[in-house]
Structures are given as C-alpha cells and as structure tokens.
C-alpha cells in the first residue's frame, strides 16, 4: 500500500498509510517517524491538531503520550539548521 510523507517547514516528520480528518486536526494511521526519539511509536495511530499537538494511541485505543512537535528536540535542531542555511 502507498505511503505518504508528512512535513512541517520542509522537515519530514513521519510517513503514514492513511489519514482521516476530524474536528481539530487529522488522524494518521500506521505512522513511521523520522526522529529517533519517536520511533518507539512506529506503526501506531496518532492525532495531530492544527497547533501540532500530537496524541499517540495504542492499537487498543489507549492514549500513550501527548506532546507538541516543538517539544521534540530533534525537530528543534532541524529548524535551527534550516534557519542557518
């Protein structure tokens, strides 16, 4: 099955198999993360709000973790690199 990339400011965050819109954002199915600190969530569904708050869910529907993408140090480092050119 085809996979799609999700980027923010030109930085690839994850790829996914399917996306479903909801009131406050989008739910992504079967995510594979680019950042090492998030790879433990590979294969799980996530919800992403329009403010880039991310909720990671277990296959059974239990909330595992909630964070904002700016709180991920690897993402911040990539933003700084891109600003320096």
N, C-alpha and C. Protein backbone atom coordinates (compact mmCIF):
# COMPACT_ATOMS: atom_id res chain seq x y z
N UNK A 1 0.84 -1.19 0.00
CA UNK A 1 0.00 0.00 0.00
C UNK A 1 0.88 1.25 0.00
N UNK A 2 0.42 2.27 -0.68
CA UNK A 2 1.17 3.52 -0.79
C UNK A 2 1.29 4.23 0.56
N UNK A 3 2.44 4.89 0.76
CA UNK A 3 2.67 5.66 1.97
C UNK A 3 2.87 7.12 1.58
N UNK A 4 2.57 8.01 2.50
CA UNK A 4 2.63 9.44 2.25
C UNK A 4 3.49 10.11 3.31
N UNK A 5 4.22 11.17 2.93
CA UNK A 5 5.08 11.90 3.86
C UNK A 5 4.32 13.05 4.48
N UNK A 6 4.59 13.31 5.76
CA UNK A 6 4.06 14.49 6.44
C UNK A 6 5.24 15.36 6.84
N UNK A 7 5.22 16.61 6.37
CA UNK A 7 6.30 17.55 6.65
C UNK A 7 5.75 18.79 7.34
N UNK A 8 6.64 19.48 8.04
CA UNK A 8 6.35 20.78 8.62
C UNK A 8 7.57 21.65 8.39
N UNK A 9 7.40 22.79 7.74
CA UNK A 9 8.51 23.70 7.39
C UNK A 9 9.58 22.99 6.58
N UNK A 10 9.16 22.04 5.73
CA UNK A 10 10.10 21.32 4.89
C UNK A 10 10.86 20.21 5.59
N UNK A 11 10.51 19.91 6.82
CA UNK A 11 11.17 18.86 7.60
C UNK A 11 10.24 17.66 7.67
N UNK A 12 10.69 16.51 7.19
CA UNK A 12 9.85 15.30 7.24
C UNK A 12 9.74 14.84 8.69
N UNK A 13 8.50 14.68 9.13
CA UNK A 13 8.23 14.23 10.50
C UNK A 13 7.95 12.73 10.55
N UNK A 14 7.12 12.28 9.63
CA UNK A 14 6.75 10.86 9.58
C UNK A 14 6.13 10.57 8.23
N UNK A 15 6.00 9.27 7.94
CA UNK A 15 5.17 8.87 6.82
C UNK A 15 4.03 8.03 7.38
N UNK A 16 3.00 7.88 6.58
CA UNK A 16 1.79 7.21 7.08
C UNK A 16 1.09 6.50 5.93
N UNK A 17 0.16 5.62 6.31
CA UNK A 17 -0.56 4.83 5.33
C UNK A 17 -1.90 5.48 4.97
N UNK A 18 -2.55 6.10 5.93
CA UNK A 18 -3.88 6.65 5.71
C UNK A 18 -4.10 7.83 6.64
N UNK A 19 -4.88 8.81 6.19
CA UNK A 19 -5.21 9.97 7.02
C UNK A 19 -6.72 10.18 7.00
N UNK A 20 -7.25 10.57 8.18
CA UNK A 20 -8.68 10.83 8.30
C UNK A 20 -8.87 12.14 9.04
N UNK A 21 -9.54 13.12 8.42
CA UNK A 21 -9.76 14.40 9.09
C UNK A 21 -10.75 14.25 10.25
N UNK A 22 -10.60 15.10 11.25
CA UNK A 22 -11.55 15.19 12.36
C UNK A 22 -11.64 16.66 12.74
N UNK A 23 -12.47 17.00 13.70
CA UNK A 23 -12.78 18.40 14.01
C UNK A 23 -11.56 19.27 14.26
N UNK A 24 -10.59 18.81 15.03
CA UNK A 24 -9.45 19.62 15.44
C UNK A 24 -8.16 19.31 14.70
N UNK A 25 -8.20 18.41 13.73
CA UNK A 25 -6.96 18.06 13.04
C UNK A 25 -7.14 16.85 12.16
N UNK A 26 -6.13 15.98 12.19
CA UNK A 26 -6.12 14.79 11.33
C UNK A 26 -5.62 13.59 12.13
N UNK A 27 -6.22 12.44 11.90
CA UNK A 27 -5.72 11.19 12.46
C UNK A 27 -4.93 10.49 11.36
N UNK A 28 -3.72 10.06 11.71
CA UNK A 28 -2.84 9.35 10.78
C UNK A 28 -2.71 7.90 11.24
N UNK A 29 -2.80 6.97 10.30
CA UNK A 29 -2.76 5.54 10.60
C UNK A 29 -1.42 4.97 10.17
N UNK A 30 -0.85 4.11 11.02
CA UNK A 30 0.39 3.38 10.74
C UNK A 30 1.54 4.33 10.41
N UNK A 31 1.89 5.17 11.38
CA UNK A 31 2.96 6.17 11.21
C UNK A 31 4.33 5.54 11.39
N UNK A 32 5.28 6.05 10.64
CA UNK A 32 6.70 5.70 10.79
C UNK A 32 7.45 7.02 10.95
N UNK A 33 7.99 7.24 12.14
CA UNK A 33 8.62 8.52 12.48
C UNK A 33 10.05 8.62 11.98
N UNK A 34 10.47 9.83 11.66
CA UNK A 34 11.83 10.12 11.24
C UNK A 34 12.78 10.29 12.42
N UNK A 35 12.28 10.86 13.51
CA UNK A 35 13.14 11.18 14.66
C UNK A 35 13.29 9.97 15.57
N UNK A 36 14.53 9.70 15.93
CA UNK A 36 14.86 8.52 16.74
C UNK A 36 14.05 8.47 18.03
N UNK A 37 13.85 9.61 18.67
CA UNK A 37 13.12 9.63 19.95
C UNK A 37 11.65 9.24 19.80
N UNK A 38 11.12 9.26 18.59
CA UNK A 38 9.71 8.93 18.37
C UNK A 38 9.51 7.57 17.70
N UNK A 39 10.59 6.91 17.32
CA UNK A 39 10.48 5.63 16.61
C UNK A 39 9.78 4.56 17.44
N UNK A 40 9.74 4.72 18.75
CA UNK A 40 9.05 3.73 19.60
C UNK A 40 7.55 3.73 19.33
N UNK A 41 7.05 4.77 18.64
CA UNK A 41 5.63 4.86 18.30
C UNK A 41 5.34 4.39 16.87
N UNK A 42 6.35 3.90 16.16
CA UNK A 42 6.14 3.44 14.78
C UNK A 42 5.02 2.40 14.73
N UNK A 43 4.17 2.55 13.71
CA UNK A 43 3.08 1.60 13.49
C UNK A 43 1.79 1.96 14.21
N UNK A 44 1.83 2.97 15.07
CA UNK A 44 0.65 3.33 15.85
C UNK A 44 -0.11 4.48 15.21
N UNK A 45 -1.39 4.60 15.54
CA UNK A 45 -2.16 5.75 15.06
C UNK A 45 -1.87 6.99 15.91
N UNK A 46 -1.88 8.15 15.27
CA UNK A 46 -1.70 9.40 16.00
C UNK A 46 -2.76 10.41 15.56
N UNK A 47 -3.04 11.36 16.43
CA UNK A 47 -3.87 12.50 16.09
C UNK A 47 -2.97 13.73 16.12
N UNK A 48 -3.10 14.59 15.12
CA UNK A 48 -2.33 15.82 15.06
C UNK A 48 -3.31 16.98 14.93
N UNK A 49 -3.25 17.93 15.88
CA UNK A 49 -4.13 19.09 15.82
C UNK A 49 -3.53 20.14 14.89
N UNK A 50 -4.30 21.17 14.62
CA UNK A 50 -3.82 22.25 13.77
C UNK A 50 -2.70 23.04 14.44
N UNK A 51 -2.55 22.90 15.77
CA UNK A 51 -1.45 23.55 16.50
C UNK A 51 -0.25 22.61 16.67
N UNK A 52 -0.28 21.46 16.03
CA UNK A 52 0.76 20.44 16.07
C UNK A 52 0.93 19.80 17.45
N UNK A 53 -0.18 19.71 18.19
CA UNK A 53 -0.22 18.84 19.36
C UNK A 53 -0.44 17.43 18.83
N UNK A 54 0.30 16.48 19.36
CA UNK A 54 0.24 15.11 18.86
C UNK A 54 -0.17 14.18 19.99
N UNK A 55 -1.16 13.33 19.72
CA UNK A 55 -1.57 12.27 20.65
C UNK A 55 -1.24 10.94 19.98
N UNK A 56 -0.55 10.09 20.70
CA UNK A 56 -0.20 8.76 20.20
C UNK A 56 -1.10 7.75 20.91
N UNK A 57 -1.76 6.92 20.11
CA UNK A 57 -2.71 5.93 20.64
C UNK A 57 -2.19 4.51 20.45
N UNK A 58 -2.52 3.64 21.38
CA UNK A 58 -2.22 2.22 21.21
C UNK A 58 -3.21 1.63 20.22
N UNK A 59 -2.95 0.44 19.75
CA UNK A 59 -3.86 -0.25 18.85
C UNK A 59 -5.20 -0.49 19.55
N UNK A 60 -5.16 -0.64 20.87
CA UNK A 60 -6.38 -0.89 21.65
C UNK A 60 -7.15 0.40 21.96
N UNK A 61 -6.62 1.56 21.53
CA UNK A 61 -7.32 2.81 21.76
C UNK A 61 -6.96 3.54 23.04
N UNK A 62 -5.86 3.15 23.68
CA UNK A 62 -5.41 3.80 24.91
C UNK A 62 -4.43 4.92 24.56
N UNK A 63 -4.61 6.10 25.16
CA UNK A 63 -3.69 7.22 24.94
C UNK A 63 -2.34 6.89 25.57
N UNK A 64 -1.29 6.88 24.77
CA UNK A 64 0.04 6.53 25.26
C UNK A 64 0.87 7.76 25.61
N UNK A 65 0.77 8.81 24.78
CA UNK A 65 1.56 10.01 25.02
C UNK A 65 0.94 11.18 24.27
N UNK A 66 1.16 12.37 24.84
CA UNK A 66 0.68 13.59 24.22
C UNK A 66 1.79 14.63 24.32
N UNK A 67 2.08 15.32 23.21
CA UNK A 67 3.16 16.31 23.18
C UNK A 67 2.95 17.25 22.01
N UNK A 68 3.68 18.34 21.98
CA UNK A 68 3.69 19.24 20.83
C UNK A 68 4.99 19.00 20.07
N UNK A 69 4.95 19.08 18.76
CA UNK A 69 6.13 18.78 17.94
C UNK A 69 7.30 19.68 18.29
N UNK A 70 7.05 20.91 18.72
CA UNK A 70 8.15 21.82 19.07
C UNK A 70 8.90 21.33 20.32
N UNK A 71 8.27 20.46 21.12
CA UNK A 71 8.93 19.90 22.30
C UNK A 71 9.90 18.77 21.98
N UNK A 72 9.92 18.33 20.73
CA UNK A 72 10.83 17.26 20.30
C UNK A 72 12.16 17.90 19.91
N UNK A 73 13.21 17.61 20.68
CA UNK A 73 14.50 18.28 20.48
C UNK A 73 15.05 18.09 19.07
N UNK A 74 14.86 16.92 18.48
CA UNK A 74 15.37 16.68 17.13
C UNK A 74 14.69 17.60 16.11
N UNK A 75 13.41 17.88 16.31
CA UNK A 75 12.70 18.81 15.42
C UNK A 75 13.25 20.22 15.58
N UNK A 76 13.45 20.65 16.82
CA UNK A 76 14.01 21.99 17.07
C UNK A 76 15.38 22.12 16.42
N UNK A 77 16.21 21.09 16.53
CA UNK A 77 17.54 21.12 15.92
C UNK A 77 17.45 21.26 14.40
N UNK A 78 16.51 20.56 13.78
CA UNK A 78 16.34 20.65 12.32
C UNK A 78 15.86 22.04 11.92
N UNK A 79 14.99 22.63 12.72
CA UNK A 79 14.52 24.00 12.44
C UNK A 79 15.70 24.96 12.48
N UNK A 80 16.54 24.85 13.52
CA UNK A 80 17.69 25.74 13.63
C UNK A 80 18.65 25.55 12.45
N UNK A 81 18.88 24.31 12.05
CA UNK A 81 19.76 24.05 10.89
C UNK A 81 19.21 24.72 9.64
N UNK A 82 17.92 24.62 9.44
CA UNK A 82 17.33 25.20 8.23
C UNK A 82 17.37 26.72 8.26
N UNK A 83 17.32 27.32 9.43
CA UNK A 83 17.39 28.78 9.54
C UNK A 83 18.80 29.28 9.28
N UNK A 84 19.80 28.49 9.62
CA UNK A 84 21.19 28.88 9.40
C UNK A 84 21.60 28.74 7.94
N UNK A 85 20.84 27.93 7.23
CA UNK A 85 21.10 27.73 5.80
C UNK A 85 22.24 26.89 5.57
